[in-house]
Amino acid sequence: MTSTIFLRLPAVISRTGLSRSSIYAFIAQGKFPQQIAIGKRAVGWDSDSIDRWIEDRIKESCKGGKKS
């Protein structure tokens, strides 16, 4: 069983290769997982949802970018 952890923004940027502004733009468009409040002034992302998002991008790329 894998453990789900919270990823902070620098880790999400590193893992996805996206910029901060791209991440928040994709969230606003509903194309990226929402951040989760983990404190009064801290947010994080569920590592499993980020991994699924990456896997979906890979699958989409393998299909030639066509959505089914």
PDB file of N, CA and C in Angstrom:
ATOM      1  N   MET A   1       0.836  -1.178   0.000  1.00  0.00           N
ATOM      2  CA  MET A   1       0.000   0.000   0.000  1.00  0.00           C
ATOM      3  C   MET A   1       0.882   1.244   0.000  1.00  0.00           C
ATOM      4  N   THR A   2       0.577   2.182  -0.873  1.00  0.00           N
ATOM      5  CA  THR A   2       1.356   3.416  -0.909  1.00  0.00           C
ATOM      6  C   THR A   2       0.725   4.451   0.003  1.00  0.00           C
ATOM      7  N   SER A   3       1.535   5.311   0.516  1.00  0.00           N
ATOM      8  CA  SER A   3       1.044   6.374   1.387  1.00  0.00           C
ATOM      9  C   SER A   3       0.801   7.624   0.572  1.00  0.00           C
ATOM     10  N   THR A   4      -0.346   8.219   0.791  1.00  0.00           N
ATOM     11  CA  THR A   4      -0.641   9.492   0.176  1.00  0.00           C
ATOM     12  C   THR A   4      -0.033  10.581   1.053  1.00  0.00           C
ATOM     13  N   ILE A   5       0.662  11.505   0.420  1.00  0.00           N
ATOM     14  CA  ILE A   5       1.247  12.616   1.162  1.00  0.00           C
ATOM     15  C   ILE A   5       0.796  13.921   0.525  1.00  0.00           C
ATOM     16  N   PHE A   6       0.929  14.994   1.270  1.00  0.00           N
ATOM     17  CA  PHE A   6       0.666  16.310   0.714  1.00  0.00           C
ATOM     18  C   PHE A   6       1.933  16.815   0.056  1.00  0.00           C
ATOM     19  N   LEU A   7       1.789  17.313  -1.139  1.00  0.00           N
ATOM     20  CA  LEU A   7       2.898  17.942  -1.842  1.00  0.00           C
ATOM     21  C   LEU A   7       2.706  19.444  -1.775  1.00  0.00           C
ATOM     22  N   ARG A   8       3.732  20.167  -1.406  1.00  0.00           N
ATOM     23  CA  ARG A   8       3.671  21.620  -1.416  1.00  0.00           C
ATOM     24  C   ARG A   8       3.986  22.101  -2.829  1.00  0.00           C
ATOM     25  N   LEU A   9       3.725  23.361  -3.111  1.00  0.00           N
ATOM     26  CA  LEU A   9       3.853  23.902  -4.459  1.00  0.00           C
ATOM     27  C   LEU A   9       5.212  23.637  -5.104  1.00  0.00           C
ATOM     28  N   PRO A  10       6.346  23.855  -4.434  1.00  0.00           N
ATOM     29  CA  PRO A  10       7.626  23.574  -5.106  1.00  0.00           C
ATOM     30  C   PRO A  10       7.744  22.113  -5.576  1.00  0.00           C
ATOM     31  N   ALA A  11       7.205  21.181  -4.795  1.00  0.00           N
ATOM     32  CA  ALA A  11       7.251  19.768  -5.189  1.00  0.00           C
ATOM     33  C   ALA A  11       6.337  19.504  -6.381  1.00  0.00           C
ATOM     34  N   VAL A  12       5.178  20.156  -6.409  1.00  0.00           N
ATOM     35  CA  VAL A  12       4.253  19.994  -7.543  1.00  0.00           C
ATOM     36  C   VAL A  12       4.888  20.566  -8.816  1.00  0.00           C
ATOM     37  N   ILE A  13       5.516  21.714  -8.699  1.00  0.00           N
ATOM     38  CA  ILE A  13       6.215  22.325  -9.835  1.00  0.00           C
ATOM     39  C   ILE A  13       7.306  21.380 -10.338  1.00  0.00           C
ATOM     40  N   SER A  14       8.082  20.839  -9.419  1.00  0.00           N
ATOM     41  CA  SER A  14       9.163  19.926  -9.792  1.00  0.00           C
ATOM     42  C   SER A  14       8.629  18.652 -10.437  1.00  0.00           C
ATOM     43  N   ARG A  15       7.568  18.120  -9.887  1.00  0.00           N
ATOM     44  CA  ARG A  15       7.010  16.857 -10.367  1.00  0.00           C
ATOM     45  C   ARG A  15       6.346  16.986 -11.733  1.00  0.00           C
ATOM     46  N   THR A  16       5.688  18.127 -11.976  1.00  0.00           N
ATOM     47  CA  THR A  16       4.925  18.296 -13.220  1.00  0.00           C
ATOM     48  C   THR A  16       5.687  19.038 -14.306  1.00  0.00           C
ATOM     49  N   GLY A  17       6.649  19.852 -13.924  1.00  0.00           N
ATOM     50  CA  GLY A  17       7.346  20.694 -14.893  1.00  0.00           C
ATOM     51  C   GLY A  17       6.572  21.941 -15.260  1.00  0.00           C
ATOM     52  N   LEU A  18       5.448  22.168 -14.591  1.00  0.00           N
ATOM     53  CA  LEU A  18       4.635  23.361 -14.852  1.00  0.00           C
ATOM     54  C   LEU A  18       5.099  24.527 -13.986  1.00  0.00           C
ATOM     55  N   SER A  19       4.825  25.733 -14.460  1.00  0.00           N
ATOM     56  CA  SER A  19       5.112  26.915 -13.653  1.00  0.00           C
ATOM     57  C   SER A  19       3.970  27.130 -12.653  1.00  0.00           C
ATOM     58  N   ARG A  20       4.223  27.962 -11.662  1.00  0.00           N
ATOM     59  CA  ARG A  20       3.209  28.300 -10.661  1.00  0.00           C
ATOM     60  C   ARG A  20       1.972  28.871 -11.333  1.00  0.00           C
ATOM     61  N   SER A  21       2.167  29.798 -12.265  1.00  0.00           N
ATOM     62  CA  SER A  21       1.019  30.435 -12.914  1.00  0.00           C
ATOM     63  C   SER A  21       0.236  29.444 -13.769  1.00  0.00           C
ATOM     64  N   SER A  22       0.922  28.508 -14.407  1.00  0.00           N
ATOM     65  CA  SER A  22       0.231  27.487 -15.203  1.00  0.00           C
ATOM     66  C   SER A  22      -0.605  26.575 -14.314  1.00  0.00           C
ATOM     67  N   ILE A  23      -0.056  26.196 -13.176  1.00  0.00           N
ATOM     68  CA  ILE A  23      -0.798  25.335 -12.249  1.00  0.00           C
ATOM     69  C   ILE A  23      -2.091  26.018 -11.832  1.00  0.00           C
ATOM     70  N   TYR A  24      -2.006  27.273 -11.404  1.00  0.00           N
ATOM     71  CA  TYR A  24      -3.207  27.966 -10.947  1.00  0.00           C
ATOM     72  C   TYR A  24      -4.175  28.265 -12.098  1.00  0.00           C
ATOM     73  N   ALA A  25      -3.666  28.497 -13.287  1.00  0.00           N
ATOM     74  CA  ALA A  25      -4.539  28.690 -14.450  1.00  0.00           C
ATOM     75  C   ALA A  25      -5.287  27.397 -14.765  1.00  0.00           C
ATOM     76  N   PHE A  26      -4.586  26.269 -14.736  1.00  0.00           N
ATOM     77  CA  PHE A  26      -5.231  24.977 -14.982  1.00  0.00           C
ATOM     78  C   PHE A  26      -6.265  24.653 -13.904  1.00  0.00           C
ATOM     79  N   ILE A  27      -5.979  25.007 -12.647  1.00  0.00           N
ATOM     80  CA  ILE A  27      -6.958  24.800 -11.572  1.00  0.00           C
ATOM     81  C   ILE A  27      -8.219  25.600 -11.871  1.00  0.00           C
ATOM     82  N   ALA A  28      -8.048  26.864 -12.271  1.00  0.00           N
ATOM     83  CA  ALA A  28      -9.188  27.730 -12.578  1.00  0.00           C
ATOM     84  C   ALA A  28     -10.025  27.182 -13.732  1.00  0.00           C
ATOM     85  N   GLN A  29      -9.371  26.485 -14.666  1.00  0.00           N
ATOM     86  CA  GLN A  29     -10.058  25.900 -15.820  1.00  0.00           C
ATOM     87  C   GLN A  29     -10.605  24.501 -15.523  1.00  0.00           C
ATOM     88  N   GLY A  30     -10.349  23.993 -14.330  1.00  0.00           N
ATOM     89  CA  GLY A  30     -10.795  22.657 -13.962  1.00  0.00           C
ATOM     90  C   GLY A  30      -9.962  21.555 -14.600  1.00  0.00           C
ATOM     91  N   LYS A  31      -8.724  21.875 -14.991  1.00  0.00           N
ATOM     92  CA  LYS A  31      -7.854  20.917 -15.685  1.00  0.00           C
ATOM     93  C   LYS A  31      -6.701  20.410 -14.823  1.00  0.00           C
ATOM     94  N   PHE A  32      -6.728  20.735 -13.541  1.00  0.00           N
ATOM     95  CA  PHE A  32      -5.658  20.326 -12.644  1.00  0.00           C
ATOM     96  C   PHE A  32      -6.271  20.125 -11.262  1.00  0.00           C
ATOM     97  N   PRO A  33      -5.749  19.180 -10.479  1.00  0.00           N
ATOM     98  CA  PRO A  33      -6.315  18.938  -9.145  1.00  0.00           C
ATOM     99  C   PRO A  33      -6.300  20.185  -8.261  1.00  0.00           C
ATOM    100  N   GLN A  34      -7.372  20.341  -7.497  1.00  0.00           N
ATOM    101  CA  GLN A  34      -7.485  21.464  -6.556  1.00  0.00           C
ATOM    102  C   GLN A  34      -6.515  21.276  -5.394  1.00  0.00           C
ATOM    103  N   GLN A  35      -6.012  22.363  -4.891  1.00  0.00           N
ATOM    104  CA  GLN A  35      -5.184  22.322  -3.703  1.00  0.00           C
ATOM    105  C   GLN A  35      -6.079  22.088  -2.481  1.00  0.00           C
ATOM    106  N   ILE A  36      -5.472  21.604  -1.410  1.00  0.00           N
ATOM    107  CA  ILE A  36      -6.179  21.291  -0.173  1.00  0.00           C
ATOM    108  C   ILE A  36      -5.576  22.148   0.934  1.00  0.00           C
ATOM    109  N   ALA A  37      -6.433  22.810   1.705  1.00  0.00           N
ATOM    110  CA  ALA A  37      -5.940  23.592   2.839  1.00  0.00           C
ATOM    111  C   ALA A  37      -5.406  22.631   3.890  1.00  0.00           C
ATOM    112  N   ILE A  38      -4.158  22.826   4.282  1.00  0.00           N
ATOM    113  CA  ILE A  38      -3.552  21.973   5.307  1.00  0.00           C
ATOM    114  C   ILE A  38      -3.174  22.779   6.549  1.00  0.00           C
ATOM    115  N   GLY A  39      -3.510  24.028   6.534  1.00  0.00           N
ATOM    116  CA  GLY A  39      -3.258  24.916   7.658  1.00  0.00           C
ATOM    117  C   GLY A  39      -3.889  26.265   7.362  1.00  0.00           C
ATOM    118  N   LYS A  40      -3.749  27.198   8.275  1.00  0.00           N
ATOM    119  CA  LYS A  40      -4.342  28.523   8.066  1.00  0.00           C
ATOM    120  C   LYS A  40      -3.752  29.234   6.848  1.00  0.00           C
ATOM    121  N   ARG A  41      -2.474  29.042   6.620  1.00  0.00           N
ATOM    122  CA  ARG A  41      -1.813  29.720   5.502  1.00  0.00           C
ATOM    123  C   ARG A  41      -1.008  28.762   4.634  1.00  0.00           C
ATOM    124  N   ALA A  42      -1.442  27.511   4.622  1.00  0.00           N
ATOM    125  CA  ALA A  42      -0.694  26.507   3.866  1.00  0.00           C
ATOM    126  C   ALA A  42      -1.643  25.624   3.063  1.00  0.00           C
ATOM    127  N   VAL A  43      -1.244  25.346   1.829  1.00  0.00           N
ATOM    128  CA  VAL A  43      -1.998  24.417   0.998  1.00  0.00           C
ATOM    129  C   VAL A  43      -1.047  23.354   0.462  1.00  0.00           C
ATOM    130  N   GLY A  44      -1.634  22.258   0.060  1.00  0.00           N
ATOM    131  CA  GLY A  44      -0.863  21.184  -0.536  1.00  0.00           C
ATOM    132  C   GLY A  44      -1.742  20.439  -1.514  1.00  0.00           C
ATOM    133  N   TRP A  45      -1.144  19.529  -2.233  1.00  0.00           N
ATOM    134  CA  TRP A  45      -1.868  18.706  -3.198  1.00  0.00           C
ATOM    135  C   TRP A  45      -1.710  17.258  -2.797  1.00  0.00           C
ATOM    136  N   ASP A  46      -2.758  16.489  -2.944  1.00  0.00           N
ATOM    137  CA  ASP A  46      -2.735  15.057  -2.696  1.00  0.00           C
ATOM    138  C   ASP A  46      -1.800  14.415  -3.722  1.00  0.00           C
ATOM    139  N   SER A  47      -0.783  13.718  -3.262  1.00  0.00           N
ATOM    140  CA  SER A  47       0.206  13.146  -4.185  1.00  0.00           C
ATOM    141  C   SER A  47      -0.426  12.177  -5.182  1.00  0.00           C
ATOM    142  N   ASP A  48      -1.442  11.435  -4.751  1.00  0.00           N
ATOM    143  CA  ASP A  48      -2.097  10.493  -5.658  1.00  0.00           C
ATOM    144  C   ASP A  48      -2.805  11.216  -6.800  1.00  0.00           C
ATOM    145  N   SER A  49      -3.442  12.346  -6.514  1.00  0.00           N
ATOM    146  CA  SER A  49      -4.144  13.081  -7.571  1.00  0.00           C
ATOM    147  C   SER A  49      -3.156  13.690  -8.561  1.00  0.00           C
ATOM    148  N   ILE A  50      -1.998  14.112  -8.082  1.00  0.00           N
ATOM    149  CA  ILE A  50      -0.965  14.639  -8.983  1.00  0.00           C
ATOM    150  C   ILE A  50      -0.412  13.516  -9.853  1.00  0.00           C
ATOM    151  N   ASP A  51      -0.181  12.350  -9.250  1.00  0.00           N
ATOM    152  CA  ASP A  51       0.302  11.204 -10.029  1.00  0.00           C
ATOM    153  C   ASP A  51      -0.705  10.796 -11.094  1.00  0.00           C
ATOM    154  N   ARG A  52      -1.996  10.783 -10.761  1.00  0.00           N
ATOM    155  CA  ARG A  52      -3.039  10.459 -11.752  1.00  0.00           C
ATOM    156  C   ARG A  52      -3.066  11.488 -12.875  1.00  0.00           C
ATOM    157  N   TRP A  53      -2.903  12.769 -12.530  1.00  0.00           N
ATOM    158  CA  TRP A  53      -2.899  13.825 -13.540  1.00  0.00           C
ATOM    159  C   TRP A  53      -1.735  13.599 -14.509  1.00  0.00           C
ATOM    160  N   ILE A  54      -0.572  13.267 -13.981  1.00  0.00           N
ATOM    161  CA  ILE A  54       0.598  13.004 -14.825  1.00  0.00           C
ATOM    162  C   ILE A  54       0.331  11.786 -15.722  1.00  0.00           C
ATOM    163  N   GLU A  55      -0.198  10.712 -15.146  1.00  0.00           N
ATOM    164  CA  GLU A  55      -0.501   9.506 -15.924  1.00  0.00           C
ATOM    165  C   GLU A  55      -1.505   9.814 -17.045  1.00  0.00           C
ATOM    166  N   ASP A  56      -2.511  10.626 -16.744  1.00  0.00           N
ATOM    167  CA  ASP A  56      -3.497  11.013 -17.759  1.00  0.00           C
ATOM    168  C   ASP A  56      -2.841  11.786 -18.900  1.00  0.00           C
ATOM    169  N   ARG A  57      -1.892  12.669 -18.583  1.00  0.00           N
ATOM    170  CA  ARG A  57      -1.188  13.421 -19.626  1.00  0.00           C
ATOM    171  C   ARG A  57      -0.385  12.466 -20.502  1.00  0.00           C
ATOM    172  N   ILE A  58       0.242  11.466 -19.896  1.00  0.00           N
ATOM    173  CA  ILE A  58       1.021  10.495 -20.656  1.00  0.00           C
ATOM    174  C   ILE A  58       0.107   9.693 -21.579  1.00  0.00           C
ATOM    175  N   LYS A  59      -1.021   9.219 -21.050  1.00  0.00           N
ATOM    176  CA  LYS A  59      -1.974   8.454 -21.870  1.00  0.00           C
ATOM    177  C   LYS A  59      -2.495   9.297 -23.022  1.00  0.00           C
ATOM    178  N   GLU A  60      -2.815  10.561 -22.740  1.00  0.00           N
ATOM    179  CA  GLU A  60      -3.310  11.465 -23.772  1.00  0.00           C
ATOM    180  C   GLU A  60      -2.252  11.677 -24.851  1.00  0.00           C
ATOM    181  N   SER A  61      -1.013  11.798 -24.435  1.00  0.00           N
ATOM    182  CA  SER A  61       0.087  11.998 -25.369  1.00  0.00           C
ATOM    183  C   SER A  61       0.274  10.775 -26.270  1.00  0.00           C
ATOM    184  N   CYS A  62       0.115   9.587 -25.694  1.00  0.00           N
ATOM    185  CA  CYS A  62       0.271   8.340 -26.454  1.00  0.00           C
ATOM    186  C   CYS A  62      -0.832   8.172 -27.500  1.00  0.00           C
ATOM    187  N   LYS A  63      -1.979   8.810 -27.251  1.00  0.00           N
ATOM    188  CA  LYS A  63      -3.089   8.761 -28.192  1.00  0.00           C
ATOM    189  C   LYS A  63      -2.970   9.849 -29.258  1.00  0.00           C
ATOM    190  N   GLY A  64      -1.891  10.571 -29.243  1.00  0.00           N
ATOM    191  CA  GLY A  64      -1.709  11.650 -30.196  1.00  0.00           C
ATOM    192  C   GLY A  64      -2.470  12.905 -29.825  1.00  0.00           C
ATOM    193  N   GLY A  65      -2.783  13.022 -28.534  1.00  0.00           N
ATOM    194  CA  GLY A  65      -3.475  14.218 -28.047  1.00  0.00           C
ATOM    195  C   GLY A  65      -4.957  14.214 -28.312  1.00  0.00           C
ATOM    196  N   LYS A  66      -5.474  13.125 -28.893  1.00  0.00           N
ATOM    197  CA  LYS A  66      -6.902  13.046 -29.186  1.00  0.00           C
ATOM    198  C   LYS A  66      -7.637  12.543 -27.956  1.00  0.00           C
ATOM    199  N   LYS A  67      -8.729  13.209 -27.622  1.00  0.00           N
ATOM    200  CA  LYS A  67      -9.550  12.769 -26.505  1.00  0.00           C
ATOM    201  C   LYS A  67     -10.619  11.834 -27.023  1.00  0.00           C
ATOM    202  N   SER A  68     -10.858  10.754 -26.283  1.00  0.00           N
ATOM    203  CA  SER A  68     -11.883   9.802 -26.707  1.00  0.00           C
ATOM    204  C   SER A  68     -13.194  10.048 -26.021  1.00  0.00           C
TER     205      SER A  68
END
